Amino acid sequence: MAVDERERRGLHTALVGALGEEAADTLMAQLPAVPRDDLATKADLEALEQRMDARFEALEQRMDARFEAMEYRLLAAFRGELNAAVTSQTRTMIFTTTGAVVSLGGLALALARFA
C-alpha cells in the first residue's frame, strides 16, 4: 500500500503527540518517502551489476572485433600501397638500367667503328 504525503503528515502529527517533536522527526526521517516497492535492495543492485557487466563484456567483444577488422583493413591497404610503390620503383629502375646498358652498348659500338 502506497503512503502519500498527506498520510505521512498525519502520522507525524500523531507521533508528535505521543513521542514529542524531536523523537517524531527522528522516526519519520527513518521512514522512506517513496513506496516500498520503489526501493532497491542489495539483490536488485547485484542483479543490475551482473546485467551491466554482461552488457559491457558484450560491448568490449564487439569493439575488439571491430578494431581487429579495422587493423586487417589498414594492413591490407598499407600492403597494397607498398606493393604499388615497390612495383613502380622497380619498373623505373629496370627501364633506366636498360636504357643505360643500350646507350653504353651503342657507345661501345661507335667507338669500335671509329677505332
N, C-alpha and C. Protein backbone atom coordinates (compact mmCIF):
# COMPACT_ATOMS: atom_id res chain seq x y z
N MET A 1 0.85 -1.18 0.00
CA MET A 1 0.00 0.00 0.00
C MET A 1 0.89 1.23 0.00
N ALA A 2 0.68 2.11 -0.94
CA ALA A 2 1.48 3.32 -1.05
C ALA A 2 0.95 4.37 -0.08
N VAL A 3 1.87 5.04 0.59
CA VAL A 3 1.52 6.09 1.53
C VAL A 3 1.80 7.42 0.86
N ASP A 4 0.78 8.31 0.82
CA ASP A 4 1.00 9.61 0.20
C ASP A 4 1.47 10.61 1.26
N GLU A 5 1.77 11.81 0.82
CA GLU A 5 2.34 12.84 1.70
C GLU A 5 1.35 13.25 2.79
N ARG A 6 0.07 13.26 2.47
CA ARG A 6 -0.95 13.64 3.47
C ARG A 6 -0.96 12.64 4.63
N GLU A 7 -0.85 11.36 4.29
CA GLU A 7 -0.83 10.34 5.34
C GLU A 7 0.47 10.42 6.16
N ARG A 8 1.58 10.76 5.52
CA ARG A 8 2.85 10.92 6.24
C ARG A 8 2.76 12.08 7.25
N ARG A 9 2.13 13.19 6.84
CA ARG A 9 1.98 14.32 7.75
C ARG A 9 1.07 13.96 8.92
N GLY A 10 0.03 13.19 8.64
CA GLY A 10 -0.87 12.75 9.73
C GLY A 10 -0.14 11.86 10.71
N LEU A 11 0.68 10.96 10.22
CA LEU A 11 1.46 10.09 11.09
C LEU A 11 2.43 10.92 11.93
N HIS A 12 3.05 11.92 11.31
CA HIS A 12 3.99 12.78 12.04
C HIS A 12 3.27 13.53 13.15
N THR A 13 2.09 14.03 12.86
CA THR A 13 1.32 14.75 13.89
C THR A 13 0.98 13.83 15.05
N ALA A 14 0.58 12.60 14.75
CA ALA A 14 0.26 11.64 15.81
C ALA A 14 1.50 11.30 16.63
N LEU A 15 2.63 11.17 15.95
CA LEU A 15 3.87 10.85 16.65
C LEU A 15 4.32 12.00 17.54
N VAL A 16 4.13 13.25 17.08
CA VAL A 16 4.49 14.41 17.90
C VAL A 16 3.69 14.37 19.19
N GLY A 17 2.39 14.04 19.10
CA GLY A 17 1.55 13.96 20.31
C GLY A 17 1.99 12.85 21.23
N ALA A 18 2.46 11.72 20.67
CA ALA A 18 2.81 10.58 21.51
C ALA A 18 4.25 10.62 21.99
N LEU A 19 5.18 11.06 21.12
CA LEU A 19 6.61 10.98 21.45
C LEU A 19 7.31 12.32 21.64
N GLY A 20 6.74 13.36 21.11
CA GLY A 20 7.40 14.66 21.14
C GLY A 20 7.96 14.99 19.76
N GLU A 21 8.26 16.27 19.55
CA GLU A 21 8.70 16.76 18.24
C GLU A 21 10.01 16.11 17.77
N GLU A 22 11.01 16.09 18.64
CA GLU A 22 12.33 15.57 18.23
C GLU A 22 12.27 14.08 17.92
N ALA A 23 11.61 13.32 18.76
CA ALA A 23 11.51 11.88 18.54
C ALA A 23 10.69 11.59 17.28
N ALA A 24 9.63 12.35 17.04
CA ALA A 24 8.80 12.17 15.85
C ALA A 24 9.60 12.48 14.59
N ASP A 25 10.39 13.56 14.63
CA ASP A 25 11.22 13.90 13.47
C ASP A 25 12.25 12.81 13.19
N THR A 26 12.86 12.27 14.25
CA THR A 26 13.86 11.21 14.09
C THR A 26 13.22 9.97 13.48
N LEU A 27 12.07 9.57 14.00
CA LEU A 27 11.39 8.39 13.48
C LEU A 27 10.95 8.58 12.03
N MET A 28 10.42 9.73 11.70
CA MET A 28 9.97 9.99 10.33
C MET A 28 11.15 10.04 9.35
N ALA A 29 12.31 10.48 9.84
CA ALA A 29 13.50 10.53 8.98
C ALA A 29 13.94 9.13 8.59
N GLN A 30 13.61 8.14 9.41
CA GLN A 30 14.00 6.76 9.13
C GLN A 30 13.04 6.06 8.16
N LEU A 31 11.86 6.62 7.97
CA LEU A 31 10.88 6.02 7.05
C LEU A 31 11.10 6.55 5.64
N PRO A 32 11.12 5.67 4.64
CA PRO A 32 11.34 6.14 3.27
C PRO A 32 10.15 6.98 2.78
N ALA A 33 10.48 7.98 1.98
CA ALA A 33 9.44 8.87 1.44
C ALA A 33 8.85 8.31 0.16
N VAL A 34 9.38 7.20 -0.31
CA VAL A 34 8.88 6.59 -1.54
C VAL A 34 8.22 5.26 -1.19
N PRO A 35 7.35 4.75 -2.06
CA PRO A 35 6.73 3.45 -1.79
C PRO A 35 7.78 2.36 -1.65
N ARG A 36 7.49 1.39 -0.81
CA ARG A 36 8.44 0.31 -0.54
C ARG A 36 8.81 -0.45 -1.81
N ASP A 37 7.88 -0.57 -2.72
CA ASP A 37 8.14 -1.28 -3.98
C ASP A 37 9.18 -0.57 -4.84
N ASP A 38 9.34 0.74 -4.63
CA ASP A 38 10.29 1.52 -5.43
C ASP A 38 11.71 1.47 -4.87
N LEU A 39 11.89 0.92 -3.68
CA LEU A 39 13.22 0.86 -3.08
C LEU A 39 14.02 -0.28 -3.68
N ALA A 40 15.30 -0.06 -3.88
CA ALA A 40 16.19 -1.09 -4.42
C ALA A 40 16.84 -1.84 -3.26
N THR A 41 16.89 -3.15 -3.40
CA THR A 41 17.55 -3.98 -2.39
C THR A 41 18.96 -4.31 -2.86
N LYS A 42 19.73 -4.91 -1.98
CA LYS A 42 21.08 -5.33 -2.37
C LYS A 42 21.01 -6.35 -3.50
N ALA A 43 20.01 -7.22 -3.45
CA ALA A 43 19.84 -8.21 -4.51
C ALA A 43 19.53 -7.52 -5.84
N ASP A 44 18.71 -6.46 -5.79
CA ASP A 44 18.41 -5.70 -7.01
C ASP A 44 19.68 -5.08 -7.58
N LEU A 45 20.50 -4.52 -6.70
CA LEU A 45 21.74 -3.89 -7.16
C LEU A 45 22.73 -4.91 -7.69
N GLU A 46 22.80 -6.09 -7.07
CA GLU A 46 23.69 -7.14 -7.56
C GLU A 46 23.24 -7.64 -8.93
N ALA A 47 21.92 -7.79 -9.11
CA ALA A 47 21.39 -8.21 -10.41
C ALA A 47 21.69 -7.15 -11.47
N LEU A 48 21.53 -5.89 -11.10
CA LEU A 48 21.85 -4.80 -12.02
C LEU A 48 23.33 -4.82 -12.38
N GLU A 49 24.18 -5.05 -11.39
CA GLU A 49 25.61 -5.10 -11.64
C GLU A 49 25.95 -6.24 -12.60
N GLN A 50 25.33 -7.39 -12.43
CA GLN A 50 25.58 -8.52 -13.32
C GLN A 50 25.12 -8.22 -14.74
N ARG A 51 23.96 -7.58 -14.86
CA ARG A 51 23.48 -7.22 -16.21
C ARG A 51 24.40 -6.19 -16.86
N MET A 52 24.86 -5.22 -16.07
CA MET A 52 25.76 -4.21 -16.62
C MET A 52 27.09 -4.84 -17.01
N ASP A 53 27.60 -5.75 -16.18
CA ASP A 53 28.85 -6.44 -16.51
C ASP A 53 28.70 -7.21 -17.82
N ALA A 54 27.57 -7.90 -17.98
CA ALA A 54 27.34 -8.67 -19.21
C ALA A 54 27.26 -7.74 -20.42
N ARG A 55 26.58 -6.61 -20.26
CA ARG A 55 26.47 -5.65 -21.37
C ARG A 55 27.83 -5.07 -21.74
N PHE A 56 28.62 -4.72 -20.74
CA PHE A 56 29.95 -4.17 -21.03
C PHE A 56 30.86 -5.22 -21.64
N GLU A 57 30.73 -6.46 -21.20
CA GLU A 57 31.53 -7.54 -21.79
C GLU A 57 31.17 -7.72 -23.26
N ALA A 58 29.86 -7.70 -23.57
CA ALA A 58 29.43 -7.82 -24.96
C ALA A 58 29.92 -6.64 -25.79
N LEU A 59 29.84 -5.44 -25.22
CA LEU A 59 30.34 -4.25 -25.92
C LEU A 59 31.83 -4.35 -26.16
N GLU A 60 32.56 -4.82 -25.17
CA GLU A 60 34.00 -4.96 -25.32
C GLU A 60 34.35 -5.97 -26.41
N GLN A 61 33.60 -7.06 -26.47
CA GLN A 61 33.85 -8.06 -27.52
C GLN A 61 33.56 -7.49 -28.91
N ARG A 62 32.47 -6.73 -29.02
CA ARG A 62 32.15 -6.11 -30.32
C ARG A 62 33.22 -5.11 -30.73
N MET A 63 33.69 -4.30 -29.76
CA MET A 63 34.72 -3.32 -30.07
C MET A 63 36.02 -4.01 -30.45
N ASP A 64 36.37 -5.10 -29.75
CA ASP A 64 37.58 -5.85 -30.12
C ASP A 64 37.48 -6.38 -31.53
N ALA A 65 36.30 -6.91 -31.90
CA ALA A 65 36.12 -7.44 -33.25
C ALA A 65 36.23 -6.33 -34.29
N ARG A 66 35.65 -5.18 -33.98
CA ARG A 66 35.74 -4.05 -34.92
C ARG A 66 37.18 -3.55 -35.08
N PHE A 67 37.89 -3.44 -33.96
CA PHE A 67 39.28 -3.00 -34.04
C PHE A 67 40.13 -3.99 -34.82
N GLU A 68 39.87 -5.28 -34.61
CA GLU A 68 40.63 -6.29 -35.33
C GLU A 68 40.34 -6.21 -36.83
N ALA A 69 39.08 -6.03 -37.19
CA ALA A 69 38.72 -5.89 -38.61
C ALA A 69 39.37 -4.64 -39.20
N MET A 70 39.36 -3.55 -38.44
CA MET A 70 39.98 -2.31 -38.91
C MET A 70 41.48 -2.50 -39.08
N GLU A 71 42.10 -3.23 -38.17
CA GLU A 71 43.53 -3.48 -38.27
C GLU A 71 43.84 -4.25 -39.56
N TYR A 72 43.04 -5.27 -39.87
CA TYR A 72 43.27 -6.05 -41.09
C TYR A 72 43.07 -5.20 -42.34
N ARG A 73 42.05 -4.33 -42.31
CA ARG A 73 41.82 -3.46 -43.47
C ARG A 73 42.97 -2.48 -43.65
N LEU A 74 43.46 -1.91 -42.56
CA LEU A 74 44.58 -0.98 -42.66
C LEU A 74 45.84 -1.69 -43.14
N LEU A 75 46.10 -2.88 -42.64
CA LEU A 75 47.26 -3.64 -43.10
C LEU A 75 47.14 -3.97 -44.58
N ALA A 76 45.94 -4.36 -45.01
CA ALA A 76 45.74 -4.68 -46.43
C ALA A 76 45.97 -3.44 -47.30
N ALA A 77 45.45 -2.31 -46.85
CA ALA A 77 45.63 -1.07 -47.61
C ALA A 77 47.11 -0.69 -47.65
N PHE A 78 47.80 -0.81 -46.52
CA PHE A 78 49.22 -0.48 -46.46
C PHE A 78 50.02 -1.41 -47.38
N ARG A 79 49.71 -2.69 -47.34
CA ARG A 79 50.42 -3.64 -48.19
C ARG A 79 50.17 -3.34 -49.67
N GLY A 80 48.94 -2.98 -50.00
CA GLY A 80 48.63 -2.63 -51.38
C GLY A 80 49.40 -1.41 -51.84
N GLU A 81 49.44 -0.38 -50.98
CA GLU A 81 50.19 0.83 -51.30
C GLU A 81 51.68 0.53 -51.43
N LEU A 82 52.20 -0.26 -50.50
CA LEU A 82 53.61 -0.61 -50.54
C LEU A 82 53.94 -1.41 -51.79
N ASN A 83 53.08 -2.35 -52.13
CA ASN A 83 53.28 -3.17 -53.33
C ASN A 83 53.28 -2.29 -54.58
N ALA A 84 52.35 -1.36 -54.67
CA ALA A 84 52.29 -0.46 -55.82
C ALA A 84 53.53 0.42 -55.91
N ALA A 85 54.00 0.93 -54.76
CA ALA A 85 55.19 1.78 -54.76
C ALA A 85 56.44 1.00 -55.17
N VAL A 86 56.58 -0.21 -54.64
CA VAL A 86 57.76 -1.02 -54.99
C VAL A 86 57.71 -1.42 -56.46
N THR A 87 56.52 -1.79 -56.96
CA THR A 87 56.39 -2.16 -58.37
C THR A 87 56.75 -0.98 -59.27
N SER A 88 56.26 0.20 -58.95
CA SER A 88 56.56 1.39 -59.75
C SER A 88 58.05 1.70 -59.71
N GLN A 89 58.62 1.63 -58.55
CA GLN A 89 60.05 1.92 -58.41
C GLN A 89 60.90 0.88 -59.15
N THR A 90 60.52 -0.38 -59.07
CA THR A 90 61.27 -1.44 -59.76
C THR A 90 61.17 -1.25 -61.28
N ARG A 91 60.00 -0.94 -61.76
CA ARG A 91 59.81 -0.72 -63.20
C ARG A 91 60.69 0.44 -63.68
N THR A 92 60.73 1.52 -62.90
CA THR A 92 61.56 2.67 -63.26
C THR A 92 63.04 2.29 -63.28
N MET A 93 63.48 1.52 -62.30
CA MET A 93 64.89 1.10 -62.24
C MET A 93 65.25 0.20 -63.43
N ILE A 94 64.33 -0.70 -63.79
CA ILE A 94 64.61 -1.61 -64.93
C ILE A 94 64.72 -0.82 -66.23
N PHE A 95 63.79 0.09 -66.46
CA PHE A 95 63.84 0.87 -67.70
C PHE A 95 65.07 1.77 -67.73
N THR A 96 65.43 2.35 -66.59
CA THR A 96 66.60 3.21 -66.53
C THR A 96 67.87 2.40 -66.78
N THR A 97 67.97 1.24 -66.14
CA THR A 97 69.14 0.39 -66.33
C THR A 97 69.23 -0.12 -67.76
N THR A 98 68.09 -0.52 -68.33
CA THR A 98 68.07 -0.99 -69.72
C THR A 98 68.50 0.13 -70.66
N GLY A 99 68.02 1.33 -70.43
CA GLY A 99 68.42 2.47 -71.25
C GLY A 99 69.91 2.75 -71.14
N ALA A 100 70.43 2.64 -69.93
CA ALA A 100 71.87 2.88 -69.75
C ALA A 100 72.70 1.81 -70.44
N VAL A 101 72.29 0.54 -70.35
CA VAL A 101 73.02 -0.56 -71.00
C VAL A 101 72.97 -0.39 -72.51
N VAL A 102 71.81 -0.05 -73.06
CA VAL A 102 71.70 0.13 -74.51
C VAL A 102 72.55 1.31 -74.96
N SER A 103 72.53 2.38 -74.19
CA SER A 103 73.35 3.55 -74.54
C SER A 103 74.83 3.22 -74.50
N LEU A 104 75.26 2.52 -73.45
CA LEU A 104 76.67 2.14 -73.37
C LEU A 104 77.04 1.16 -74.48
N GLY A 105 76.13 0.25 -74.83
CA GLY A 105 76.39 -0.67 -75.94
C GLY A 105 76.55 0.07 -77.24
N GLY A 106 75.68 1.04 -77.49
CA GLY A 106 75.79 1.84 -78.70
C GLY A 106 77.07 2.65 -78.72
N LEU A 107 77.45 3.22 -77.58
CA LEU A 107 78.67 3.98 -77.47
C LEU A 107 79.88 3.06 -77.73
N ALA A 108 79.85 1.83 -77.22
CA ALA A 108 80.94 0.87 -77.44
C ALA A 108 81.03 0.52 -78.90
N LEU A 109 79.91 0.31 -79.56
CA LEU A 109 79.92 0.00 -80.99
C LEU A 109 80.47 1.19 -81.81
N ALA A 110 80.05 2.37 -81.43
CA ALA A 110 80.53 3.55 -82.14
C ALA A 110 82.04 3.72 -81.97
N LEU A 111 82.51 3.50 -80.77
CA LEU A 111 83.97 3.58 -80.56
C LEU A 111 84.71 2.49 -81.30
N ALA A 112 84.09 1.30 -81.40
CA ALA A 112 84.75 0.20 -82.11
C ALA A 112 84.82 0.51 -83.61
N ARG A 113 83.87 1.18 -84.19
CA ARG A 113 83.89 1.51 -85.61
C ARG A 113 84.91 2.59 -85.92
N PHE A 114 85.03 3.52 -85.03
CA PHE A 114 85.99 4.60 -85.26
C PHE A 114 87.42 4.21 -84.90
N ALA A 115 87.57 3.16 -84.26
CA ALA A 115 88.92 2.80 -83.84
C ALA A 115 89.60 1.91 -84.81
